[in-house]
Amino acid sequence: MSPARAARRPRKPEPLRHAGRTIDYEITHRPRVRRNIHLELADGGGLRVVAPRRVSRRDVHRMLQENVTWVARFLDSARTRQNELPPLRYVEGEEHLLLGQPYPLEIRTHGGRRRRVDWEDGRIRMLAPVPAEAGRIRDQLLRWYRERALAEFSCRLAAISAAAEWTGGQPPELRLRRMTASWGTCSVAGVITLNPLLLRAPPHCVDYVIAHEVCHLREHNHGPRFYDLQRHLYPDWREARRHLREHGHIYLHL
């Protein structure tokens, strides 16, 4: 790597100090985060700080260090929740979530190449060739979640858009994309992208995320007018947001 390119690489933030321990973290930015700093558990169990671009790295560090006890508590709690999740094995009888409810996985094997997943009789049934490897079962489940999510989210988006006067009763374009730290986004062009694994969360959480993104069609920020719209469109948004913050790691675990 050339010295010039190395010089352009962002400098790693100074670690936080708390009760004899050091806490490393990374800083990232997202267009809609304009006011407050958010904390997330990054891949590998590290701390990710989502900050507005206008806030300097020095100010981010100062705010974190001033609240370092709370930061350490958040990180320890997030790591504990993550570690408590048992690894999924994708075997017969293992429970998988759909709209907040657990359903046992039933695997039917055959000698052909055909694969299919159905939800019926209180079970998630998979038709898979022999041998049914865990990795292939997981991939097929992901495709199934995506297919069901597109149908489910499209219906809910249409209903919520009809209640939002600023949409003219027409739902926006919908796309799906797996995301590790977000349930949904709304582009400046008015395209709503949702995480297909949101289908594993309860229906009221699905409606909250969709309503949240529909509000961004009118207010592409998190200012007072945005929250006025959200309260009007989905009054129980605080409870749904709290649920996702407490249990979201379970729905993303697949």
Protein backbone atom coordinates (compact mmCIF):
# COMPACT_ATOMS: atom_id res chain seq x y z
CA MET A 1 0.00 0.00 0.00
CA SER A 2 1.34 3.42 -0.94
CA PRO A 3 2.07 5.99 1.82
CA ALA A 4 -0.57 8.31 0.31
CA ARG A 5 -3.26 5.64 0.48
CA ALA A 6 -2.24 4.67 3.99
CA ALA A 7 -2.48 8.32 5.03
CA ARG A 8 -6.08 8.47 3.81
CA ARG A 9 -7.16 5.51 5.92
CA PRO A 10 -9.37 6.67 8.83
CA ARG A 11 -7.51 6.66 12.11
CA LYS A 12 -8.82 4.19 14.65
CA PRO A 13 -10.69 5.99 17.47
CA GLU A 14 -9.04 6.22 20.84
CA PRO A 15 -10.45 3.46 23.08
CA LEU A 16 -12.72 4.27 26.00
CA ARG A 17 -11.53 3.71 29.56
CA HIS A 18 -13.78 2.25 32.24
CA ALA A 19 -13.00 0.50 35.53
CA GLY A 20 -9.62 -0.76 34.38
CA ARG A 21 -10.82 -1.95 30.97
CA THR A 22 -10.50 -0.50 27.49
CA ILE A 23 -13.38 -0.48 25.03
CA ASP A 24 -12.52 -0.24 21.35
CA TYR A 25 -15.15 0.96 18.93
CA GLU A 26 -15.71 1.86 15.31
CA ILE A 27 -17.58 4.88 13.95
CA THR A 28 -19.94 4.74 11.00
CA HIS A 29 -22.40 7.18 9.44
CA ARG A 30 -25.84 6.77 7.92
CA PRO A 31 -27.67 9.51 6.01
CA ARG A 32 -30.75 9.58 8.27
CA VAL A 33 -28.80 9.75 11.53
CA ARG A 34 -28.59 13.51 11.97
CA ARG A 35 -29.22 14.17 15.65
CA ASN A 36 -28.29 11.42 18.11
CA ILE A 37 -25.57 8.81 18.47
CA HIS A 38 -26.66 5.16 18.35
CA LEU A 39 -24.82 2.12 19.66
CA GLU A 40 -24.86 -1.30 18.00
CA LEU A 41 -23.16 -4.64 18.46
CA ALA A 42 -20.92 -5.10 15.43
CA ASP A 43 -19.94 -8.39 13.82
CA GLY A 44 -17.53 -10.21 16.09
CA GLY A 45 -18.96 -8.62 19.23
CA GLY A 46 -17.34 -5.21 18.87
CA LEU A 47 -18.95 -1.84 19.49
CA ARG A 48 -20.26 0.14 16.53
CA VAL A 49 -21.16 3.80 17.00
CA VAL A 50 -23.51 5.35 14.44
CA ALA A 51 -23.03 9.11 14.52
CA PRO A 52 -24.17 12.14 12.50
CA ARG A 53 -21.53 13.32 10.04
CA ARG A 54 -21.54 16.79 11.54
CA VAL A 55 -20.31 15.42 14.88
CA SER A 56 -16.51 15.25 15.01
CA ARG A 57 -14.63 12.16 16.11
CA ARG A 58 -13.39 14.11 19.12
CA ASP A 59 -16.94 14.99 20.17
CA VAL A 60 -18.08 11.39 19.65
CA HIS A 61 -15.30 10.20 21.94
CA ARG A 62 -16.08 12.87 24.52
CA MET A 63 -19.78 11.94 24.63
CA LEU A 64 -19.00 8.24 24.89
CA GLN A 65 -16.42 8.72 27.62
CA GLU A 66 -18.78 10.95 29.63
CA ASN A 67 -21.35 8.14 29.50
CA VAL A 68 -18.87 5.25 29.59
CA THR A 69 -20.69 3.36 32.37
CA TRP A 70 -23.83 3.23 30.25
CA VAL A 71 -21.78 2.31 27.16
CA ALA A 72 -20.10 -0.59 28.99
CA ARG A 73 -23.46 -1.79 30.30
CA PHE A 74 -24.93 -1.70 26.79
CA LEU A 75 -21.99 -3.63 25.32
CA ASP A 76 -21.98 -6.30 28.04
CA SER A 77 -25.75 -6.76 27.79
CA ALA A 78 -25.68 -7.00 23.99
CA ARG A 79 -22.86 -9.55 24.07
CA THR A 80 -24.67 -11.61 26.71
CA ARG A 81 -27.88 -11.70 24.65
CA GLN A 82 -25.93 -12.69 21.57
CA ASN A 83 -24.05 -15.47 23.36
CA GLU A 84 -27.25 -16.87 24.86
CA LEU A 85 -28.59 -17.75 21.43
CA PRO A 86 -28.03 -21.45 20.74
CA PRO A 87 -26.57 -22.22 17.31
CA LEU A 88 -29.19 -23.35 14.81
CA ARG A 89 -28.64 -26.86 13.44
CA TYR A 90 -31.44 -27.00 10.83
CA VAL A 91 -32.62 -30.44 11.88
CA GLU A 92 -36.00 -32.13 12.22
CA GLY A 93 -38.12 -30.60 14.99
CA GLU A 94 -36.02 -27.48 15.48
CA GLU A 95 -38.22 -24.41 15.90
CA HIS A 96 -38.06 -21.44 13.54
CA LEU A 97 -39.94 -18.16 13.75
CA LEU A 98 -42.66 -16.78 11.51
CA LEU A 99 -44.43 -13.53 12.48
CA GLY A 100 -43.30 -13.95 16.06
CA GLN A 101 -44.46 -17.55 16.50
CA PRO A 102 -42.20 -20.63 16.64
CA TYR A 103 -42.94 -23.52 14.30
CA PRO A 104 -41.14 -26.88 14.19
CA LEU A 105 -39.14 -27.69 11.09
CA GLU A 106 -40.20 -30.85 9.29
CA ILE A 107 -37.77 -32.22 6.72
CA ARG A 108 -38.95 -34.64 4.07
CA THR A 109 -36.21 -36.16 1.97
CA HIS A 110 -36.35 -37.74 -1.46
CA GLY A 111 -34.01 -38.89 -4.16
CA GLY A 112 -34.60 -36.09 -6.64
CA ARG A 113 -33.32 -32.54 -6.90
CA ARG A 114 -36.54 -30.67 -6.12
CA ARG A 115 -36.60 -28.33 -3.11
CA ARG A 116 -39.64 -26.64 -1.62
CA VAL A 117 -40.70 -25.08 1.68
CA ASP A 118 -44.33 -24.79 2.82
CA TRP A 119 -46.02 -23.56 5.96
CA GLU A 120 -48.98 -25.76 6.84
CA ASP A 121 -50.53 -27.60 9.78
CA GLY A 122 -48.49 -25.56 12.24
CA ARG A 123 -45.19 -26.68 10.73
CA ILE A 124 -42.54 -25.40 8.36
CA ARG A 125 -42.21 -28.30 5.95
CA MET A 126 -39.19 -28.65 3.70
CA LEU A 127 -38.82 -31.05 0.81
CA ALA A 128 -35.10 -31.66 0.28
CA PRO A 129 -32.94 -34.17 -1.58
CA VAL A 130 -30.90 -36.77 0.27
CA PRO A 131 -28.66 -35.97 2.04
CA ALA A 132 -30.15 -32.72 3.38
CA GLU A 133 -27.12 -30.74 4.51
CA ALA A 134 -27.61 -28.03 7.12
CA GLY A 135 -26.13 -25.34 4.89
CA ARG A 136 -28.49 -26.14 2.04
CA ILE A 137 -31.49 -26.24 4.37
CA ARG A 138 -30.53 -22.81 5.73
CA ASP A 139 -30.19 -21.37 2.22
CA GLN A 140 -33.59 -22.76 1.25
CA LEU A 141 -35.17 -21.31 4.39
CA LEU A 142 -33.70 -17.91 3.57
CA ARG A 143 -35.17 -18.05 0.07
CA TRP A 144 -38.53 -19.06 1.53
CA TYR A 145 -38.48 -16.22 4.06
CA ARG A 146 -37.74 -13.82 1.23
CA GLU A 147 -40.63 -15.10 -0.91
CA ARG A 148 -43.12 -14.93 1.96
CA ALA A 149 -41.79 -11.57 3.08
CA LEU A 150 -42.36 -10.05 -0.34
CA ALA A 151 -46.00 -11.15 -0.33
CA GLU A 152 -46.66 -10.24 3.33
CA PHE A 153 -44.86 -6.89 3.26
CA SER A 154 -46.52 -5.87 -0.02
CA CYS A 155 -49.99 -6.33 1.50
CA ARG A 156 -49.10 -4.47 4.69
CA LEU A 157 -47.34 -1.69 2.79
CA ALA A 158 -50.44 -1.18 0.63
CA ALA A 159 -52.69 -0.95 3.69
CA ILE A 160 -50.43 1.44 5.58
CA SER A 161 -49.83 3.60 2.50
CA ALA A 162 -53.59 3.91 2.03
CA ALA A 163 -53.81 5.45 5.50
CA ALA A 164 -51.00 7.95 4.81
CA GLU A 165 -52.45 10.90 2.93
CA TRP A 166 -49.05 12.00 1.59
CA THR A 167 -48.77 8.81 -0.52
CA GLY A 168 -51.89 9.54 -2.53
CA GLY A 169 -53.06 6.04 -1.59
CA GLN A 170 -50.35 4.45 -3.71
CA PRO A 171 -47.71 2.20 -2.10
CA PRO A 172 -44.10 2.99 -3.01
CA GLU A 173 -41.72 0.60 -4.69
CA LEU A 174 -40.70 -2.21 -2.35
CA ARG A 175 -37.39 -4.05 -2.32
CA LEU A 176 -35.90 -6.64 0.01
CA ARG A 177 -32.33 -6.89 1.24
CA ARG A 178 -30.79 -8.69 4.19
CA MET A 179 -29.21 -6.20 6.57
CA THR A 180 -27.24 -6.87 9.72
CA ALA A 181 -28.17 -3.73 11.65
CA SER A 182 -31.33 -2.31 10.08
CA TRP A 183 -34.92 -3.38 9.53
CA GLY A 184 -35.66 -0.98 6.72
CA THR A 185 -34.60 2.07 4.73
CA CYS A 186 -36.27 4.65 2.52
CA SER A 187 -34.24 6.19 -0.29
CA VAL A 188 -34.54 9.82 -1.40
CA ALA A 189 -36.14 8.42 -4.56
CA GLY A 190 -38.95 6.96 -2.45
CA VAL A 191 -37.95 3.29 -2.62
CA ILE A 192 -38.56 1.34 0.60
CA THR A 193 -36.20 -1.55 1.32
CA LEU A 194 -37.06 -4.01 4.07
CA ASN A 195 -35.08 -6.77 5.74
CA PRO A 196 -36.77 -10.11 4.87
CA LEU A 197 -35.89 -11.45 8.33
CA LEU A 198 -38.35 -8.92 9.74
CA LEU A 199 -40.90 -11.59 8.82
CA ARG A 200 -39.68 -13.49 11.90
CA ALA A 201 -40.89 -10.65 14.17
CA PRO A 202 -44.48 -10.19 15.43
CA PRO A 203 -46.97 -8.49 13.07
CA HIS A 204 -47.10 -5.27 15.10
CA CYS A 205 -43.34 -4.88 14.65
CA VAL A 206 -43.66 -5.42 10.91
CA ASP A 207 -46.33 -2.72 10.75
CA TYR A 208 -44.22 -0.35 12.82
CA VAL A 209 -41.18 -0.67 10.55
CA ILE A 210 -43.29 -0.21 7.43
CA ALA A 211 -45.08 2.80 8.93
CA HIS A 212 -41.71 4.25 9.95
CA GLU A 213 -40.41 4.04 6.38
CA VAL A 214 -43.66 5.36 4.90
CA CYS A 215 -43.26 8.44 7.11
CA HIS A 216 -39.82 8.95 5.60
CA LEU A 217 -41.50 9.42 2.23
CA ARG A 218 -42.70 12.75 3.63
CA GLU A 219 -39.96 13.59 6.14
CA HIS A 220 -36.57 12.13 5.29
CA ASN A 221 -35.16 12.73 8.77
CA HIS A 222 -35.97 12.10 12.42
CA GLY A 223 -37.12 15.57 13.32
CA PRO A 224 -40.26 16.63 15.21
CA ARG A 225 -42.44 16.61 12.09
CA PHE A 226 -41.39 13.05 11.34
CA TYR A 227 -42.45 11.85 14.79
CA ASP A 228 -45.74 13.72 14.46
CA LEU A 229 -46.42 11.73 11.29
CA GLN A 230 -45.39 8.47 12.95
CA ARG A 231 -47.66 9.05 15.96
CA HIS A 232 -50.53 9.70 13.57
CA LEU A 233 -49.85 6.69 11.36
CA TYR A 234 -48.82 4.19 14.05
CA PRO A 235 -49.62 5.37 17.60
CA ASP A 236 -48.06 2.32 19.32
CA TRP A 237 -44.67 2.79 17.66
CA ARG A 238 -42.75 3.11 20.95
CA GLU A 239 -43.76 -0.35 22.19
CA ALA A 240 -42.91 -1.95 18.84
CA ARG A 241 -39.53 -0.19 18.73
CA ARG A 242 -38.78 -1.32 22.27
CA HIS A 243 -39.64 -4.91 21.38
CA LEU A 244 -37.32 -4.88 18.37
CA ARG A 245 -34.50 -3.37 20.38
CA GLU A 246 -34.84 -6.05 23.04
CA HIS A 247 -35.51 -9.05 20.81
CA GLY A 248 -34.24 -8.06 17.38
CA HIS A 249 -31.08 -10.15 17.73
CA ILE A 250 -33.30 -13.25 17.93
CA TYR A 251 -35.10 -12.45 14.67
CA LEU A 252 -31.80 -11.78 12.88
CA HIS A 253 -30.36 -15.09 14.11
CA LEU A 254 -30.69 -17.51 11.21
